[in-house]
Each structure stands twice: as C-alpha cells, then as structure tokens.
Amino acid sequence: MPATDPALTGLAQGWCALVLLHGRIETHIERALQAEHGLSVREYSLLDVLSRQHDGEGGHLQMKQVADAVVLSQSATTRLVTRLEDRGLLERYLCPTDRRGIYTNVTEAGRKLLEQARPTNDAALRTALDEAAKNPELAPLVRAVESLNAPLTA
C-alpha cells in the first residue's frame, strides 16, 4: 500500500470541512426560507442576483452569467427562471438592441418577496455560522467567512 502524503490528507480534510460547513449553512437557510417564504436557497439566490441588475451599460446579465452567479448549469438556471416566472416573480423580455438576447427582470412581486426574505436569509446564515463555530473543525472556516467583507464577483 502506498504511503499517504500528509499534506494531501490535510488538504482533503480541509475540503471535507468546507463541504460540511456549506452543507450545514445551506440546509439551515433552506429550511428557514421555505418555512417563512416558500423559497428555496436557489430561488432566493436567483432573485438576489437578478435584483442587482441595472439598465446602464452592461447592467443586464446574460443567462451564462446568471448561471455562474447562482452556481447552476445554464439549463437548470433556465428551468429555475421559468418556475419563478410562472409564480409571477420574474419576467423575460427581448433585448432591445439584440433581438436574439433575452433579459430576465425581477417583478414588483419578486422584489417584495426578496425584501421580505432577506432578513430571514441573513438570520438563518448567522444562526448556522454560530452553531458551526462551536465545532472545533469548522470554527476556523467560520472565522474566515466572517472576515470576508466584500461581495464575491462571478
């Protein structure tokens, strides 16, 4: 049996801890958003990403950019957009300068739901991080997450 590289084992353990932290946080937020607002984490994320668009140059995201931002495939993102559009939370329209392009905007109902859901999301995130911080394996990762004060860019 070949010897195991301790550095790789440590790296793998760190990755496993990161996956565990992510899973715990996502599960906690999912339950809170579903219970309070009937939204999944992915639906919330999509509404949040699309709500940040603007009408200026480069202000509307292409579907690939949206998919990257919500960490889904383009086909899964399209299905998610369709579900939220069917619920009246999103609307699609043709790009005025390129008839091949389709934009997706958050409707007034979608903005209202997002506004209501944001405090739930934030509180669930805080609770999940506080719980994870009690685990010695996860505490350093929690501190790293808490030290981030700039939003991630896709």
C-alpha atoms as a PDB file:
ATOM      1  CA  MET A   1       0.000   0.000   0.000  1.00  0.00           C
ATOM      2  CA  PRO A   2       1.497   3.388  -0.974  1.00  0.00           C
ATOM      3  CA  ALA A   3       2.174   5.944   1.750  1.00  0.00           C
ATOM      4  CA  THR A   4      -0.306   8.781   2.013  1.00  0.00           C
ATOM      5  CA  ASP A   5       1.046  12.301   1.601  1.00  0.00           C
ATOM      6  CA  PRO A   6       0.197  14.112   4.886  1.00  0.00           C
ATOM      7  CA  ALA A   7      -0.199  17.431   3.051  1.00  0.00           C
ATOM      8  CA  LEU A   8      -2.787  15.937   0.709  1.00  0.00           C
ATOM      9  CA  THR A   9      -4.564  14.305   3.616  1.00  0.00           C
ATOM     10  CA  GLY A  10      -4.689  17.677   5.384  1.00  0.00           C
ATOM     11  CA  LEU A  11      -5.923  19.329   2.198  1.00  0.00           C
ATOM     12  CA  ALA A  12      -8.612  16.683   1.806  1.00  0.00           C
ATOM     13  CA  GLN A  13      -9.655  17.125   5.434  1.00  0.00           C
ATOM     14  CA  GLY A  14      -9.893  20.894   4.920  1.00  0.00           C
ATOM     15  CA  TRP A  15     -12.002  20.370   1.820  1.00  0.00           C
ATOM     16  CA  CYS A  16     -14.296  17.978   3.701  1.00  0.00           C
ATOM     17  CA  ALA A  17     -14.706  20.556   6.474  1.00  0.00           C
ATOM     18  CA  LEU A  18     -15.570  23.240   3.919  1.00  0.00           C
ATOM     19  CA  VAL A  19     -18.148  20.975   2.264  1.00  0.00           C
ATOM     20  CA  LEU A  20     -19.626  20.166   5.678  1.00  0.00           C
ATOM     21  CA  LEU A  21     -19.872  23.855   6.599  1.00  0.00           C
ATOM     22  CA  HIS A  22     -21.502  24.712   3.275  1.00  0.00           C
ATOM     23  CA  GLY A  23     -23.996  21.879   3.601  1.00  0.00           C
ATOM     24  CA  ARG A  24     -24.990  22.853   7.130  1.00  0.00           C
ATOM     25  CA  ILE A  25     -25.430  26.506   6.216  1.00  0.00           C
ATOM     26  CA  GLU A  26     -27.397  25.762   3.043  1.00  0.00           C
ATOM     27  CA  THR A  27     -29.678  23.299   4.832  1.00  0.00           C
ATOM     28  CA  HIS A  28     -30.385  25.768   7.645  1.00  0.00           C
ATOM     29  CA  ILE A  29     -31.121  28.631   5.247  1.00  0.00           C
ATOM     30  CA  GLU A  30     -33.237  26.381   3.003  1.00  0.00           C
ATOM     31  CA  ARG A  31     -35.471  25.368   5.905  1.00  0.00           C
ATOM     32  CA  ALA A  32     -35.922  28.956   7.061  1.00  0.00           C
ATOM     33  CA  LEU A  33     -36.663  30.337   3.584  1.00  0.00           C
ATOM     34  CA  GLN A  34     -39.076  27.512   2.777  1.00  0.00           C
ATOM     35  CA  ALA A  35     -40.928  27.822   6.085  1.00  0.00           C
ATOM     36  CA  GLU A  36     -41.243  31.616   6.032  1.00  0.00           C
ATOM     37  CA  HIS A  37     -41.424  32.499   2.337  1.00  0.00           C
ATOM     38  CA  GLY A  38     -41.880  29.364   0.221  1.00  0.00           C
ATOM     39  CA  LEU A  39     -38.484  29.932  -1.429  1.00  0.00           C
ATOM     40  CA  SER A  40     -35.562  27.586  -1.945  1.00  0.00           C
ATOM     41  CA  VAL A  41     -31.991  28.765  -1.487  1.00  0.00           C
ATOM     42  CA  ARG A  42     -31.504  28.672  -5.275  1.00  0.00           C
ATOM     43  CA  GLU A  43     -34.669  30.701  -5.872  1.00  0.00           C
ATOM     44  CA  TYR A  44     -33.583  33.273  -3.309  1.00  0.00           C
ATOM     45  CA  SER A  45     -30.105  33.443  -4.863  1.00  0.00           C
ATOM     46  CA  LEU A  46     -31.544  33.926  -8.339  1.00  0.00           C
ATOM     47  CA  LEU A  47     -33.858  36.717  -7.201  1.00  0.00           C
ATOM     48  CA  ASP A  48     -30.970  38.343  -5.359  1.00  0.00           C
ATOM     49  CA  VAL A  49     -28.610  38.192  -8.360  1.00  0.00           C
ATOM     50  CA  LEU A  50     -31.227  39.483 -10.791  1.00  0.00           C
ATOM     51  CA  SER A  51     -32.306  42.260  -8.423  1.00  0.00           C
ATOM     52  CA  ARG A  52     -28.796  43.731  -8.667  1.00  0.00           C
ATOM     53  CA  GLN A  53     -29.042  44.322 -12.420  1.00  0.00           C
ATOM     54  CA  HIS A  54     -29.377  47.845 -13.754  1.00  0.00           C
ATOM     55  CA  ASP A  55     -30.357  49.468 -17.036  1.00  0.00           C
ATOM     56  CA  GLY A  56     -26.961  51.007 -17.766  1.00  0.00           C
ATOM     57  CA  GLU A  57     -24.181  49.643 -19.973  1.00  0.00           C
ATOM     58  CA  GLY A  58     -23.528  46.020 -19.073  1.00  0.00           C
ATOM     59  CA  GLY A  59     -26.255  46.163 -16.465  1.00  0.00           C
ATOM     60  CA  HIS A  60     -28.182  43.107 -17.597  1.00  0.00           C
ATOM     61  CA  LEU A  61     -26.687  39.681 -17.188  1.00  0.00           C
ATOM     62  CA  GLN A  62     -26.650  37.052 -19.887  1.00  0.00           C
ATOM     63  CA  MET A  63     -28.024  33.651 -18.880  1.00  0.00           C
ATOM     64  CA  LYS A  64     -24.500  32.180 -18.613  1.00  0.00           C
ATOM     65  CA  GLN A  65     -23.513  34.952 -16.198  1.00  0.00           C
ATOM     66  CA  VAL A  66     -26.650  34.311 -14.149  1.00  0.00           C
ATOM     67  CA  ALA A  67     -25.944  30.554 -14.139  1.00  0.00           C
ATOM     68  CA  ASP A  68     -22.388  31.172 -12.945  1.00  0.00           C
ATOM     69  CA  ALA A  69     -23.612  33.532 -10.214  1.00  0.00           C
ATOM     70  CA  VAL A  70     -26.110  31.007  -8.815  1.00  0.00           C
ATOM     71  CA  VAL A  71     -23.774  28.043  -9.417  1.00  0.00           C
ATOM     72  CA  LEU A  72     -26.089  26.089 -11.700  1.00  0.00           C
ATOM     73  CA  SER A  73     -25.889  24.850 -15.270  1.00  0.00           C
ATOM     74  CA  GLN A  74     -27.499  27.050 -17.904  1.00  0.00           C
ATOM     75  CA  SER A  75     -30.308  24.537 -18.412  1.00  0.00           C
ATOM     76  CA  ALA A  76     -31.013  24.315 -14.664  1.00  0.00           C
ATOM     77  CA  THR A  77     -30.958  28.114 -14.463  1.00  0.00           C
ATOM     78  CA  THR A  78     -33.443  28.359 -17.339  1.00  0.00           C
ATOM     79  CA  ARG A  79     -35.774  25.920 -15.571  1.00  0.00           C
ATOM     80  CA  LEU A  80     -35.442  27.912 -12.348  1.00  0.00           C
ATOM     81  CA  VAL A  81     -36.218  31.161 -14.189  1.00  0.00           C
ATOM     82  CA  THR A  82     -39.277  29.524 -15.751  1.00  0.00           C
ATOM     83  CA  ARG A  83     -40.556  28.369 -12.336  1.00  0.00           C
ATOM     84  CA  LEU A  84     -40.174  31.843 -10.852  1.00  0.00           C
ATOM     85  CA  GLU A  85     -41.697  33.419 -13.946  1.00  0.00           C
ATOM     86  CA  ASP A  86     -44.710  31.097 -13.581  1.00  0.00           C
ATOM     87  CA  ARG A  87     -45.051  32.362  -9.994  1.00  0.00           C
ATOM     88  CA  GLY A  88     -45.013  35.974 -11.212  1.00  0.00           C
ATOM     89  CA  LEU A  89     -41.668  36.756  -9.555  1.00  0.00           C
ATOM     90  CA  LEU A  90     -39.661  37.190 -12.772  1.00  0.00           C
ATOM     91  CA  GLU A  91     -40.382  38.365 -16.304  1.00  0.00           C
ATOM     92  CA  ARG A  92     -38.452  37.908 -19.539  1.00  0.00           C
ATOM     93  CA  TYR A  93     -38.242  40.278 -22.475  1.00  0.00           C
ATOM     94  CA  LEU A  94     -36.221  40.655 -25.650  1.00  0.00           C
ATOM     95  CA  CYS A  95     -33.068  42.731 -25.574  1.00  0.00           C
ATOM     96  CA  PRO A  96     -33.910  45.991 -27.373  1.00  0.00           C
ATOM     97  CA  THR A  97     -30.532  46.095 -29.192  1.00  0.00           C
ATOM     98  CA  ASP A  98     -30.096  42.379 -29.976  1.00  0.00           C
ATOM     99  CA  ARG A  99     -33.319  40.513 -30.702  1.00  0.00           C
ATOM    100  CA  ARG A 100     -31.548  37.209 -30.018  1.00  0.00           C
ATOM    101  CA  GLY A 101     -30.915  38.178 -26.404  1.00  0.00           C
ATOM    102  CA  ILE A 102     -33.460  37.656 -23.672  1.00  0.00           C
ATOM    103  CA  TYR A 103     -33.285  39.514 -20.392  1.00  0.00           C
ATOM    104  CA  THR A 104     -34.856  38.475 -17.120  1.00  0.00           C
ATOM    105  CA  ASN A 105     -36.025  41.024 -14.565  1.00  0.00           C
ATOM    106  CA  VAL A 106     -37.460  40.704 -11.083  1.00  0.00           C
ATOM    107  CA  THR A 107     -41.095  41.818 -10.954  1.00  0.00           C
ATOM    108  CA  GLU A 108     -42.537  44.039  -8.245  1.00  0.00           C
ATOM    109  CA  ALA A 109     -43.887  40.891  -6.531  1.00  0.00           C
ATOM    110  CA  GLY A 110     -40.422  39.326  -6.749  1.00  0.00           C
ATOM    111  CA  ARG A 111     -38.759  42.416  -5.268  1.00  0.00           C
ATOM    112  CA  LYS A 112     -41.270  42.460  -2.432  1.00  0.00           C
ATOM    113  CA  LEU A 113     -40.729  38.773  -1.650  1.00  0.00           C
ATOM    114  CA  LEU A 114     -36.950  39.221  -1.796  1.00  0.00           C
ATOM    115  CA  GLU A 115     -37.168  42.188   0.561  1.00  0.00           C
ATOM    116  CA  GLN A 116     -39.239  40.111   2.992  1.00  0.00           C
ATOM    117  CA  ALA A 117     -36.935  37.084   2.680  1.00  0.00           C
ATOM    118  CA  ARG A 118     -33.600  38.898   3.047  1.00  0.00           C
ATOM    119  CA  PRO A 119     -33.782  39.240   6.867  1.00  0.00           C
ATOM    120  CA  THR A 120     -34.768  35.561   7.133  1.00  0.00           C
ATOM    121  CA  ASN A 121     -31.796  34.580   4.983  1.00  0.00           C
ATOM    122  CA  ASP A 122     -29.417  36.750   6.992  1.00  0.00           C
ATOM    123  CA  ALA A 123     -30.693  35.500  10.353  1.00  0.00           C
ATOM    124  CA  ALA A 124     -30.517  31.860   9.243  1.00  0.00           C
ATOM    125  CA  LEU A 125     -26.975  32.408   7.995  1.00  0.00           C
ATOM    126  CA  ARG A 126     -25.964  33.983  11.302  1.00  0.00           C
ATOM    127  CA  THR A 127     -27.512  31.118  13.295  1.00  0.00           C
ATOM    128  CA  ALA A 128     -25.875  28.472  11.095  1.00  0.00           C
ATOM    129  CA  LEU A 129     -22.469  30.135  11.439  1.00  0.00           C
ATOM    130  CA  ASP A 130     -22.866  30.467  15.223  1.00  0.00           C
ATOM    131  CA  GLU A 131     -23.712  26.770  15.502  1.00  0.00           C
ATOM    132  CA  ALA A 132     -20.819  25.762  13.230  1.00  0.00           C
ATOM    133  CA  ALA A 133     -18.384  27.902  15.248  1.00  0.00           C
ATOM    134  CA  LYS A 134     -18.957  25.556  18.207  1.00  0.00           C
ATOM    135  CA  ASN A 135     -17.330  22.738  16.204  1.00  0.00           C
ATOM    136  CA  PRO A 136     -13.509  22.973  16.507  1.00  0.00           C
ATOM    137  CA  GLU A 137     -13.088  21.591  12.985  1.00  0.00           C
ATOM    138  CA  LEU A 138     -15.364  24.245  11.488  1.00  0.00           C
ATOM    139  CA  ALA A 139     -14.508  27.229  13.701  1.00  0.00           C
ATOM    140  CA  PRO A 140     -11.522  28.383  11.582  1.00  0.00           C
ATOM    141  CA  LEU A 141     -13.684  28.307   8.459  1.00  0.00           C
ATOM    142  CA  VAL A 142     -16.402  30.297  10.203  1.00  0.00           C
ATOM    143  CA  ARG A 143     -13.829  32.917  11.167  1.00  0.00           C
ATOM    144  CA  ALA A 144     -12.638  33.036   7.554  1.00  0.00           C
ATOM    145  CA  VAL A 145     -16.197  33.538   6.283  1.00  0.00           C
ATOM    146  CA  GLU A 146     -16.835  36.244   8.861  1.00  0.00           C
ATOM    147  CA  SER A 147     -13.662  38.060   7.828  1.00  0.00           C
ATOM    148  CA  LEU A 148     -14.898  38.469   4.271  1.00  0.00           C
ATOM    149  CA  ASN A 149     -16.497  41.867   3.884  1.00  0.00           C
ATOM    150  CA  ALA A 150     -16.504  42.260   0.119  1.00  0.00           C
ATOM    151  CA  PRO A 151     -19.118  40.501  -2.017  1.00  0.00           C
ATOM    152  CA  LEU A 152     -17.879  37.755  -4.316  1.00  0.00           C
ATOM    153  CA  THR A 153     -17.837  38.550  -8.010  1.00  0.00           C
ATOM    154  CA  ALA A 154     -18.561  35.989 -10.687  1.00  0.00           C
END
